Amino acid sequence: MNITINGNDHTIEQIETIEDMLTQLGLGEKLVIVEQNRQIIDRGAYNQTVVRNNDTFEIVHFVGGG
């Protein structure tokens, strides 16, 4: 499956949902905001929202510091 994440093309296999995608990217446990095809997805829907070929994502994650 071909998708775009933060402007970069990726080929990802064996994912069905946004939750699967985040886990594969190593972001499953992090606080992130996901936009799929210009629509912000509620965090509670990550495990139900299907990822389709040619979808475009923007993923923002927060980094603490001081």
PDB file of N, CA and C in Angstrom:
ATOM      1  N   MET A   1       0.845  -1.157   0.000  1.00  0.00           N
ATOM      2  CA  MET A   1       0.000   0.000   0.000  1.00  0.00           C
ATOM      3  C   MET A   1       0.901   1.234   0.000  1.00  0.00           C
ATOM      4  N   ASN A   2       0.574   2.196  -0.835  1.00  0.00           N
ATOM      5  CA  ASN A   2       1.338   3.435  -0.926  1.00  0.00           C
ATOM      6  C   ASN A   2       0.566   4.557  -0.247  1.00  0.00           C
ATOM      7  N   ILE A   3       1.221   5.227   0.697  1.00  0.00           N
ATOM      8  CA  ILE A   3       0.628   6.359   1.388  1.00  0.00           C
ATOM      9  C   ILE A   3       1.673   7.462   1.506  1.00  0.00           C
ATOM     10  N   THR A   4       1.206   8.658   1.811  1.00  0.00           N
ATOM     11  CA  THR A   4       2.102   9.791   2.029  1.00  0.00           C
ATOM     12  C   THR A   4       1.961  10.232   3.479  1.00  0.00           C
ATOM     13  N   ILE A   5       3.103  10.345   4.171  1.00  0.00           N
ATOM     14  CA  ILE A   5       3.119  10.776   5.567  1.00  0.00           C
ATOM     15  C   ILE A   5       4.027  11.991   5.675  1.00  0.00           C
ATOM     16  N   ASN A   6       3.459  13.103   6.104  1.00  0.00           N
ATOM     17  CA  ASN A   6       4.209  14.357   6.263  1.00  0.00           C
ATOM     18  C   ASN A   6       5.005  14.704   5.008  1.00  0.00           C
ATOM     19  N   GLY A   7       4.374  14.495   3.850  1.00  0.00           N
ATOM     20  CA  GLY A   7       4.982  14.853   2.576  1.00  0.00           C
ATOM     21  C   GLY A   7       5.928  13.831   1.991  1.00  0.00           C
ATOM     22  N   ASN A   8       6.160  12.715   2.680  1.00  0.00           N
ATOM     23  CA  ASN A   8       7.069  11.672   2.202  1.00  0.00           C
ATOM     24  C   ASN A   8       6.292  10.423   1.820  1.00  0.00           C
ATOM     25  N   ASP A   9       6.626   9.853   0.664  1.00  0.00           N
ATOM     26  CA  ASP A   9       5.965   8.637   0.200  1.00  0.00           C
ATOM     27  C   ASP A   9       6.480   7.427   0.961  1.00  0.00           C
ATOM     28  N   HIS A  10       5.552   6.537   1.335  1.00  0.00           N
ATOM     29  CA  HIS A  10       5.879   5.309   2.061  1.00  0.00           C
ATOM     30  C   HIS A  10       5.117   4.148   1.448  1.00  0.00           C
ATOM     31  N   THR A  11       5.754   2.996   1.421  1.00  0.00           N
ATOM     32  CA  THR A  11       5.072   1.754   1.089  1.00  0.00           C
ATOM     33  C   THR A  11       4.978   0.960   2.378  1.00  0.00           C
ATOM     34  N   ILE A  12       3.750   0.695   2.810  1.00  0.00           N
ATOM     35  CA  ILE A  12       3.519   0.010   4.078  1.00  0.00           C
ATOM     36  C   ILE A  12       2.663  -1.215   3.817  1.00  0.00           C
ATOM     37  N   GLU A  13       3.061  -2.325   4.419  1.00  0.00           N
ATOM     38  CA  GLU A  13       2.334  -3.585   4.248  1.00  0.00           C
ATOM     39  C   GLU A  13       1.613  -3.965   5.532  1.00  0.00           C
ATOM     40  N   GLN A  14       0.575  -4.728   5.387  1.00  0.00           N
ATOM     41  CA  GLN A  14      -0.135  -5.376   6.491  1.00  0.00           C
ATOM     42  C   GLN A  14      -0.660  -4.403   7.536  1.00  0.00           C
ATOM     43  N   ILE A  15      -1.261  -3.326   7.093  1.00  0.00           N
ATOM     44  CA  ILE A  15      -1.961  -2.451   8.025  1.00  0.00           C
ATOM     45  C   ILE A  15      -3.391  -2.282   7.539  1.00  0.00           C
ATOM     46  N   GLU A  16      -4.295  -2.097   8.467  1.00  0.00           N
ATOM     47  CA  GLU A  16      -5.689  -1.857   8.127  1.00  0.00           C
ATOM     48  C   GLU A  16      -6.178  -0.521   8.669  1.00  0.00           C
ATOM     49  N   THR A  17      -5.682  -0.135   9.853  1.00  0.00           N
ATOM     50  CA  THR A  17      -6.199   1.057  10.519  1.00  0.00           C
ATOM     51  C   THR A  17      -5.077   2.047  10.833  1.00  0.00           C
ATOM     52  N   ILE A  18      -5.479   3.241  11.223  1.00  0.00           N
ATOM     53  CA  ILE A  18      -4.499   4.241  11.650  1.00  0.00           C
ATOM     54  C   ILE A  18      -3.708   3.721  12.840  1.00  0.00           C
ATOM     55  N   GLU A  19      -4.360   3.029  13.753  1.00  0.00           N
ATOM     56  CA  GLU A  19      -3.662   2.454  14.908  1.00  0.00           C
ATOM     57  C   GLU A  19      -2.556   1.502  14.454  1.00  0.00           C
ATOM     58  N   ASP A  20      -2.833   0.655  13.466  1.00  0.00           N
ATOM     59  CA  ASP A  20      -1.819  -0.255  12.917  1.00  0.00           C
ATOM     60  C   ASP A  20      -0.649   0.531  12.333  1.00  0.00           C
ATOM     61  N   MET A  21      -0.972   1.595  11.586  1.00  0.00           N
ATOM     62  CA  MET A  21       0.057   2.413  10.953  1.00  0.00           C
ATOM     63  C   MET A  21       0.957   3.050  12.008  1.00  0.00           C
ATOM     64  N   LEU A  22       0.355   3.625  13.050  1.00  0.00           N
ATOM     65  CA  LEU A  22       1.139   4.268  14.103  1.00  0.00           C
ATOM     66  C   LEU A  22       2.033   3.270  14.819  1.00  0.00           C
ATOM     67  N   THR A  23       1.527   2.075  15.058  1.00  0.00           N
ATOM     68  CA  THR A  23       2.331   1.032  15.702  1.00  0.00           C
ATOM     69  C   THR A  23       3.521   0.673  14.833  1.00  0.00           C
ATOM     70  N   GLN A  24       3.286   0.510  13.527  1.00  0.00           N
ATOM     71  CA  GLN A  24       4.371   0.156  12.610  1.00  0.00           C
ATOM     72  C   GLN A  24       5.416   1.267  12.526  1.00  0.00           C
ATOM     73  N   LEU A  25       4.988   2.506  12.697  1.00  0.00           N
ATOM     74  CA  LEU A  25       5.913   3.643  12.651  1.00  0.00           C
ATOM     75  C   LEU A  25       6.591   3.903  13.998  1.00  0.00           C
ATOM     76  N   GLY A  26       6.247   3.120  15.023  1.00  0.00           N
ATOM     77  CA  GLY A  26       6.834   3.307  16.343  1.00  0.00           C
ATOM     78  C   GLY A  26       6.211   4.450  17.127  1.00  0.00           C
ATOM     79  N   LEU A  27       5.008   4.852  16.739  1.00  0.00           N
ATOM     80  CA  LEU A  27       4.334   5.967  17.398  1.00  0.00           C
ATOM     81  C   LEU A  27       3.099   5.530  18.175  1.00  0.00           C
ATOM     82  N   GLY A  28       2.901   4.236  18.321  1.00  0.00           N
ATOM     83  CA  GLY A  28       1.692   3.711  18.940  1.00  0.00           C
ATOM     84  C   GLY A  28       1.443   4.175  20.359  1.00  0.00           C
ATOM     85  N   GLU A  29       2.490   4.398  21.125  1.00  0.00           N
ATOM     86  CA  GLU A  29       2.345   4.791  22.528  1.00  0.00           C
ATOM     87  C   GLU A  29       2.489   6.295  22.739  1.00  0.00           C
ATOM     88  N   LYS A  30       2.766   7.033  21.678  1.00  0.00           N
ATOM     89  CA  LYS A  30       3.013   8.467  21.816  1.00  0.00           C
ATOM     90  C   LYS A  30       1.733   9.264  21.578  1.00  0.00           C
ATOM     91  N   LEU A  31       1.689  10.446  22.165  1.00  0.00           N
ATOM     92  CA  LEU A  31       0.580  11.358  21.947  1.00  0.00           C
ATOM     93  C   LEU A  31       0.775  12.014  20.585  1.00  0.00           C
ATOM     94  N   VAL A  32      -0.123  11.715  19.657  1.00  0.00           N
ATOM     95  CA  VAL A  32      -0.020  12.261  18.306  1.00  0.00           C
ATOM     96  C   VAL A  32      -1.376  12.786  17.856  1.00  0.00           C
ATOM     97  N   ILE A  33      -1.326  13.665  16.884  1.00  0.00           N
ATOM     98  CA  ILE A  33      -2.520  14.111  16.175  1.00  0.00           C
ATOM     99  C   ILE A  33      -2.357  13.644  14.738  1.00  0.00           C
ATOM    100  N   VAL A  34      -3.413  13.028  14.198  1.00  0.00           N
ATOM    101  CA  VAL A  34      -3.359  12.495  12.842  1.00  0.00           C
ATOM    102  C   VAL A  34      -4.409  13.185  11.982  1.00  0.00           C
ATOM    103  N   GLU A  35      -3.956  13.669  10.835  1.00  0.00           N
ATOM    104  CA  GLU A  35      -4.842  14.219   9.823  1.00  0.00           C
ATOM    105  C   GLU A  35      -4.794  13.270   8.634  1.00  0.00           C
ATOM    106  N   GLN A  36      -5.943  12.768   8.211  1.00  0.00           N
ATOM    107  CA  GLN A  36      -6.038  11.856   7.071  1.00  0.00           C
ATOM    108  C   GLN A  36      -6.799  12.571   5.963  1.00  0.00           C
ATOM    109  N   ASN A  37      -6.137  12.755   4.832  1.00  0.00           N
ATOM    110  CA  ASN A  37      -6.756  13.428   3.687  1.00  0.00           C
ATOM    111  C   ASN A  37      -7.427  14.744   4.099  1.00  0.00           C
ATOM    112  N   ARG A  38      -6.680  15.542   4.879  1.00  0.00           N
ATOM    113  CA  ARG A  38      -7.082  16.883   5.321  1.00  0.00           C
ATOM    114  C   ARG A  38      -8.209  16.894   6.349  1.00  0.00           C
ATOM    115  N   GLN A  39      -8.453  15.762   6.996  1.00  0.00           N
ATOM    116  CA  GLN A  39      -9.460  15.693   8.055  1.00  0.00           C
ATOM    117  C   GLN A  39      -8.802  15.162   9.328  1.00  0.00           C
ATOM    118  N   ILE A  40      -8.924  15.925  10.421  1.00  0.00           N
ATOM    119  CA  ILE A  40      -8.355  15.482  11.692  1.00  0.00           C
ATOM    120  C   ILE A  40      -9.183  14.314  12.216  1.00  0.00           C
ATOM    121  N   ILE A  41      -8.486  13.255  12.622  1.00  0.00           N
ATOM    122  CA  ILE A  41      -9.136  12.044  13.105  1.00  0.00           C
ATOM    123  C   ILE A  41      -9.098  12.034  14.632  1.00  0.00           C
ATOM    124  N   ASP A  42     -10.237  11.789  15.249  1.00  0.00           N
ATOM    125  CA  ASP A  42     -10.314  11.686  16.704  1.00  0.00           C
ATOM    126  C   ASP A  42      -9.493  10.498  17.176  1.00  0.00           C
ATOM    127  N   ARG A  43      -8.722  10.688  18.234  1.00  0.00           N
ATOM    128  CA  ARG A  43      -7.844   9.622  18.750  1.00  0.00           C
ATOM    129  C   ARG A  43      -8.615   8.340  19.057  1.00  0.00           C
ATOM    130  N   GLY A  44      -9.825   8.455  19.527  1.00  0.00           N
ATOM    131  CA  GLY A  44     -10.639   7.289  19.836  1.00  0.00           C
ATOM    132  C   GLY A  44     -11.059   6.493  18.614  1.00  0.00           C
ATOM    133  N   ALA A  45     -10.869   7.062  17.427  1.00  0.00           N
ATOM    134  CA  ALA A  45     -11.256   6.386  16.189  1.00  0.00           C
ATOM    135  C   ALA A  45     -10.069   5.775  15.450  1.00  0.00           C
ATOM    136  N   TYR A  46      -8.860   5.890  15.999  1.00  0.00           N
ATOM    137  CA  TYR A  46      -7.679   5.364  15.311  1.00  0.00           C
ATOM    138  C   TYR A  46      -7.794   3.870  15.037  1.00  0.00           C
ATOM    139  N   ASN A  47      -8.421   3.135  15.944  1.00  0.00           N
ATOM    140  CA  ASN A  47      -8.513   1.683  15.761  1.00  0.00           C
ATOM    141  C   ASN A  47      -9.662   1.278  14.844  1.00  0.00           C
ATOM    142  N   GLN A  48     -10.447   2.248  14.371  1.00  0.00           N
ATOM    143  CA  GLN A  48     -11.567   1.961  13.485  1.00  0.00           C
ATOM    144  C   GLN A  48     -11.424   2.613  12.118  1.00  0.00           C
ATOM    145  N   THR A  49     -10.510   3.574  12.000  1.00  0.00           N
ATOM    146  CA  THR A  49     -10.371   4.326  10.758  1.00  0.00           C
ATOM    147  C   THR A  49      -9.453   3.582   9.803  1.00  0.00           C
ATOM    148  N   VAL A  50     -10.001   3.223   8.647  1.00  0.00           N
ATOM    149  CA  VAL A  50      -9.296   2.410   7.663  1.00  0.00           C
ATOM    150  C   VAL A  50      -8.300   3.258   6.880  1.00  0.00           C
ATOM    151  N   VAL A  51      -7.117   2.697   6.657  1.00  0.00           N
ATOM    152  CA  VAL A  51      -6.095   3.310   5.810  1.00  0.00           C
ATOM    153  C   VAL A  51      -6.236   2.703   4.421  1.00  0.00           C
ATOM    154  N   ARG A  52      -6.308   3.574   3.410  1.00  0.00           N
ATOM    155  CA  ARG A  52      -6.473   3.112   2.030  1.00  0.00           C
ATOM    156  C   ARG A  52      -5.274   3.536   1.180  1.00  0.00           C
ATOM    157  N   ASN A  53      -5.067   2.807   0.113  1.00  0.00           N
ATOM    158  CA  ASN A  53      -3.999   3.125  -0.823  1.00  0.00           C
ATOM    159  C   ASN A  53      -4.127   4.582  -1.270  1.00  0.00           C
ATOM    160  N   ASN A  54      -3.008   5.274  -1.325  1.00  0.00           N
ATOM    161  CA  ASN A  54      -2.892   6.668  -1.754  1.00  0.00           C
ATOM    162  C   ASN A  54      -3.452   7.686  -0.764  1.00  0.00           C
ATOM    163  N   ASP A  55      -3.750   7.284   0.482  1.00  0.00           N
ATOM    164  CA  ASP A  55      -4.139   8.250   1.505  1.00  0.00           C
ATOM    165  C   ASP A  55      -2.953   9.155   1.818  1.00  0.00           C
ATOM    166  N   THR A  56      -3.269  10.361   2.272  1.00  0.00           N
ATOM    167  CA  THR A  56      -2.255  11.324   2.683  1.00  0.00           C
ATOM    168  C   THR A  56      -2.456  11.645   4.161  1.00  0.00           C
ATOM    169  N   PHE A  57      -1.366  11.567   4.935  1.00  0.00           N
ATOM    170  CA  PHE A  57      -1.421  11.801   6.372  1.00  0.00           C
ATOM    171  C   PHE A  57      -0.455  12.897   6.767  1.00  0.00           C
ATOM    172  N   GLU A  58      -0.876  13.669   7.750  1.00  0.00           N
ATOM    173  CA  GLU A  58       0.014  14.556   8.482  1.00  0.00           C
ATOM    174  C   GLU A  58      -0.033  14.056   9.915  1.00  0.00           C
ATOM    175  N   ILE A  59       1.119  13.779  10.486  1.00  0.00           N
ATOM    176  CA  ILE A  59       1.200  13.280  11.854  1.00  0.00           C
ATOM    177  C   ILE A  59       2.065  14.239  12.659  1.00  0.00           C
ATOM    178  N   VAL A  60       1.501  14.741  13.748  1.00  0.00           N
ATOM    179  CA  VAL A  60       2.225  15.642  14.637  1.00  0.00           C
ATOM    180  C   VAL A  60       2.349  14.949  15.981  1.00  0.00           C
ATOM    181  N   HIS A  61       3.575  14.846  16.488  1.00  0.00           N
ATOM    182  CA  HIS A  61       3.747  14.288  17.826  1.00  0.00           C
ATOM    183  C   HIS A  61       4.494  15.295  18.683  1.00  0.00           C
ATOM    184  N   PHE A  62       4.266  15.196  19.965  1.00  0.00           N
ATOM    185  CA  PHE A  62       4.769  16.174  20.910  1.00  0.00           C
ATOM    186  C   PHE A  62       6.023  15.660  21.592  1.00  0.00           C
ATOM    187  N   VAL A  63       6.971  16.557  21.760  1.00  0.00           N
ATOM    188  CA  VAL A  63       8.229  16.225  22.410  1.00  0.00           C
ATOM    189  C   VAL A  63       8.383  17.156  23.602  1.00  0.00           C
ATOM    190  N   GLY A  64       8.596  16.575  24.769  1.00  0.00           N
ATOM    191  CA  GLY A  64       8.783  17.383  25.971  1.00  0.00           C
ATOM    192  C   GLY A  64      10.218  17.866  26.091  1.00  0.00           C
ATOM    193  N   GLY A  65      10.388  18.905  26.787  1.00  0.00           N
ATOM    194  CA  GLY A  65      11.738  19.424  26.994  1.00  0.00           C
ATOM    195  C   GLY A  65      11.680  20.668  27.864  1.00  0.00           C
ATOM    196  N   GLY A  66      12.821  21.211  28.120  1.00  0.00           N
ATOM    197  CA  GLY A  66      12.818  22.389  28.976  1.00  0.00           C
ATOM    198  C   GLY A  66      13.942  23.312  28.681  1.00  0.00           C
TER     199      GLY A  66
END
